[in-house]
Amino acid sequence: MSSEAAREQKRPLPSTASPQTDDACGDGRYRAWEIEAMLVRDVMRKPISVHAEETLEVATLRLKKENVGALPVVEDDEVVGMITDRDVLLRGFPEGRNIHTKTRESRSA
């Protein structure tokens, strides 16, 4: 390893670094080993899902309320699939289903 590479490896990312203010690589990118570790639990939100027996209307409103594009579909406390905004648009209404259709009928497996 060259001395320049060794020196760059030891240079820590400033604690106040942000993509707008500091540039560890000189080209707008950061090296993975210079970024502070982040735990999933620090960014996770409360668990949200939709039950397989709930309607597309309920699923669509929950997607909107939670500002997400996908929800796990749950049945008997187990995830049995996912429903996405795309599922509603492509597998829901265009196939003759309506807002009263059960989520299980339009979910991704």
C-alpha atoms as a PDB file:
ATOM      1  CA  MET A   1       0.000   0.000   0.000  1.00  0.00           C
ATOM      2  CA  SER A   2       1.382   3.412  -0.892  1.00  0.00           C
ATOM      3  CA  SER A   3       1.967   5.991   1.823  1.00  0.00           C
ATOM      4  CA  GLU A   4      -0.750   8.204   0.330  1.00  0.00           C
ATOM      5  CA  ALA A   5      -3.284   5.344   0.461  1.00  0.00           C
ATOM      6  CA  ALA A   6      -2.303   4.554   4.057  1.00  0.00           C
ATOM      7  CA  ARG A   7      -2.682   8.213   5.019  1.00  0.00           C
ATOM      8  CA  GLU A   8      -6.139   8.385   3.418  1.00  0.00           C
ATOM      9  CA  GLN A   9      -7.257   5.234   5.231  1.00  0.00           C
ATOM     10  CA  LYS A  10      -6.408   6.755   8.608  1.00  0.00           C
ATOM     11  CA  ARG A  11      -8.164  10.057   7.940  1.00  0.00           C
ATOM     12  CA  PRO A  12     -11.453   9.877   9.891  1.00  0.00           C
ATOM     13  CA  LEU A  13     -14.641  11.475   8.681  1.00  0.00           C
ATOM     14  CA  PRO A  14     -15.258  14.624  10.727  1.00  0.00           C
ATOM     15  CA  SER A  15     -18.107  14.212  13.215  1.00  0.00           C
ATOM     16  CA  THR A  16     -19.851  17.180  11.616  1.00  0.00           C
ATOM     17  CA  ALA A  17     -19.407  15.835   8.100  1.00  0.00           C
ATOM     18  CA  SER A  18     -22.285  15.864   5.700  1.00  0.00           C
ATOM     19  CA  PRO A  19     -22.404  15.364   1.943  1.00  0.00           C
ATOM     20  CA  GLN A  20     -22.947  19.104   1.567  1.00  0.00           C
ATOM     21  CA  THR A  21     -20.009  20.266   3.735  1.00  0.00           C
ATOM     22  CA  ASP A  22     -17.235  17.672   3.683  1.00  0.00           C
ATOM     23  CA  ASP A  23     -15.809  15.505   0.950  1.00  0.00           C
ATOM     24  CA  ALA A  24     -13.582  12.658   2.133  1.00  0.00           C
ATOM     25  CA  CYS A  25     -12.754  11.350  -1.349  1.00  0.00           C
ATOM     26  CA  GLY A  26     -12.452  14.685  -3.094  1.00  0.00           C
ATOM     27  CA  ASP A  27     -15.225  13.858  -5.549  1.00  0.00           C
ATOM     28  CA  GLY A  28     -18.383  13.965  -3.437  1.00  0.00           C
ATOM     29  CA  ARG A  29     -18.170  10.377  -2.163  1.00  0.00           C
ATOM     30  CA  TYR A  30     -17.217   8.922   1.188  1.00  0.00           C
ATOM     31  CA  ARG A  31     -15.239   5.788   1.826  1.00  0.00           C
ATOM     32  CA  ALA A  32     -17.303   3.122   3.591  1.00  0.00           C
ATOM     33  CA  TRP A  33     -14.802   2.741   6.440  1.00  0.00           C
ATOM     34  CA  GLU A  34     -15.002   6.454   7.209  1.00  0.00           C
ATOM     35  CA  ILE A  35     -18.749   6.599   7.763  1.00  0.00           C
ATOM     36  CA  GLU A  36     -20.018   6.177  11.286  1.00  0.00           C
ATOM     37  CA  ALA A  37     -21.961   2.976  11.909  1.00  0.00           C
ATOM     38  CA  MET A  38     -25.736   3.301  12.049  1.00  0.00           C
ATOM     39  CA  LEU A  39     -27.967   0.737  13.721  1.00  0.00           C
ATOM     40  CA  VAL A  40     -31.188  -0.356  12.050  1.00  0.00           C
ATOM     41  CA  ARG A  41     -33.097   0.129  15.300  1.00  0.00           C
ATOM     42  CA  ASP A  42     -32.135   3.824  15.218  1.00  0.00           C
ATOM     43  CA  VAL A  43     -33.993   4.407  11.953  1.00  0.00           C
ATOM     44  CA  MET A  44     -36.807   1.845  12.133  1.00  0.00           C
ATOM     45  CA  ARG A  45     -40.344   2.963  12.700  1.00  0.00           C
ATOM     46  CA  LYS A  46     -43.180   1.113  14.338  1.00  0.00           C
ATOM     47  CA  PRO A  47     -44.146  -2.048  12.439  1.00  0.00           C
ATOM     48  CA  ILE A  48     -47.003  -1.539  10.017  1.00  0.00           C
ATOM     49  CA  SER A  49     -48.828  -4.128   7.959  1.00  0.00           C
ATOM     50  CA  VAL A  50     -52.186  -5.002   6.454  1.00  0.00           C
ATOM     51  CA  HIS A  51     -54.188  -8.154   7.182  1.00  0.00           C
ATOM     52  CA  ALA A  52     -54.957 -10.475   4.254  1.00  0.00           C
ATOM     53  CA  GLU A  53     -58.707 -10.066   4.901  1.00  0.00           C
ATOM     54  CA  GLU A  54     -58.612  -6.268   4.784  1.00  0.00           C
ATOM     55  CA  THR A  55     -59.752  -4.571   1.609  1.00  0.00           C
ATOM     56  CA  LEU A  56     -57.737  -2.806  -1.053  1.00  0.00           C
ATOM     57  CA  GLU A  57     -59.280   0.415   0.205  1.00  0.00           C
ATOM     58  CA  VAL A  58     -57.824  -0.149   3.689  1.00  0.00           C
ATOM     59  CA  ALA A  59     -54.438  -1.146   2.233  1.00  0.00           C
ATOM     60  CA  THR A  60     -54.330   1.880  -0.079  1.00  0.00           C
ATOM     61  CA  LEU A  61     -55.258   4.289   2.715  1.00  0.00           C
ATOM     62  CA  ARG A  62     -52.599   2.756   4.977  1.00  0.00           C
ATOM     63  CA  LEU A  63     -49.953   3.077   2.235  1.00  0.00           C
ATOM     64  CA  LYS A  64     -50.864   6.748   1.899  1.00  0.00           C
ATOM     65  CA  LYS A  65     -51.093   7.440   5.652  1.00  0.00           C
ATOM     66  CA  GLU A  66     -47.721   5.841   6.375  1.00  0.00           C
ATOM     67  CA  ASN A  67     -46.147   7.343   3.224  1.00  0.00           C
ATOM     68  CA  VAL A  68     -44.760   3.985   2.092  1.00  0.00           C
ATOM     69  CA  GLY A  69     -44.877   2.066  -1.181  1.00  0.00           C
ATOM     70  CA  ALA A  70     -45.214  -1.443   0.272  1.00  0.00           C
ATOM     71  CA  LEU A  71     -46.742  -3.212   3.251  1.00  0.00           C
ATOM     72  CA  PRO A  72     -46.379  -6.768   4.524  1.00  0.00           C
ATOM     73  CA  VAL A  73     -49.603  -8.772   4.251  1.00  0.00           C
ATOM     74  CA  VAL A  74     -50.168 -10.692   7.490  1.00  0.00           C
ATOM     75  CA  GLU A  75     -52.342 -13.708   8.243  1.00  0.00           C
ATOM     76  CA  ASP A  76     -52.292 -15.653  11.541  1.00  0.00           C
ATOM     77  CA  ASP A  77     -49.358 -13.514  12.745  1.00  0.00           C
ATOM     78  CA  GLU A  78     -47.207 -14.543   9.763  1.00  0.00           C
ATOM     79  CA  VAL A  79     -46.205 -12.549   6.713  1.00  0.00           C
ATOM     80  CA  VAL A  80     -47.818 -14.194   3.681  1.00  0.00           C
ATOM     81  CA  GLY A  81     -46.816 -11.619   1.079  1.00  0.00           C
ATOM     82  CA  MET A  82     -46.447  -7.955   0.275  1.00  0.00           C
ATOM     83  CA  ILE A  83     -48.788  -5.436  -1.261  1.00  0.00           C
ATOM     84  CA  THR A  84     -47.372  -2.452  -3.075  1.00  0.00           C
ATOM     85  CA  ASP A  85     -48.857   0.628  -4.645  1.00  0.00           C
ATOM     86  CA  ARG A  86     -47.952  -1.001  -7.958  1.00  0.00           C
ATOM     87  CA  ASP A  87     -49.916  -4.154  -7.033  1.00  0.00           C
ATOM     88  CA  VAL A  88     -52.998  -2.033  -6.429  1.00  0.00           C
ATOM     89  CA  LEU A  89     -52.596  -0.247  -9.760  1.00  0.00           C
ATOM     90  CA  LEU A  90     -51.692  -3.272 -11.900  1.00  0.00           C
ATOM     91  CA  ARG A  91     -53.317  -6.252 -10.157  1.00  0.00           C
ATOM     92  CA  GLY A  92     -56.155  -4.513  -8.427  1.00  0.00           C
ATOM     93  CA  PHE A  93     -58.440  -2.235 -10.329  1.00  0.00           C
ATOM     94  CA  PRO A  94     -57.383  -3.026 -13.935  1.00  0.00           C
ATOM     95  CA  GLU A  95     -58.289  -6.691 -13.408  1.00  0.00           C
ATOM     96  CA  GLY A  96     -61.860  -5.808 -12.500  1.00  0.00           C
ATOM     97  CA  ARG A  97     -61.374  -5.709  -8.757  1.00  0.00           C
ATOM     98  CA  ASN A  98     -62.806  -2.902  -6.662  1.00  0.00           C
ATOM     99  CA  ILE A  99     -62.036  -1.257  -3.340  1.00  0.00           C
ATOM    100  CA  HIS A 100     -63.859  -4.058  -1.505  1.00  0.00           C
ATOM    101  CA  THR A 101     -61.517  -6.758  -2.862  1.00  0.00           C
ATOM    102  CA  LYS A 102     -59.510  -8.544  -0.168  1.00  0.00           C
ATOM    103  CA  THR A 103     -55.826  -7.681  -0.009  1.00  0.00           C
ATOM    104  CA  ARG A 104     -54.842 -11.355  -0.435  1.00  0.00           C
ATOM    105  CA  GLU A 105     -56.233 -11.296  -3.990  1.00  0.00           C
ATOM    106  CA  SER A 106     -53.911  -8.538  -5.195  1.00  0.00           C
ATOM    107  CA  ARG A 107     -50.759  -9.073  -3.142  1.00  0.00           C
ATOM    108  CA  SER A 108     -47.388 -10.224  -4.416  1.00  0.00           C
ATOM    109  CA  ALA A 109     -46.528 -13.719  -3.274  1.00  0.00           C
END
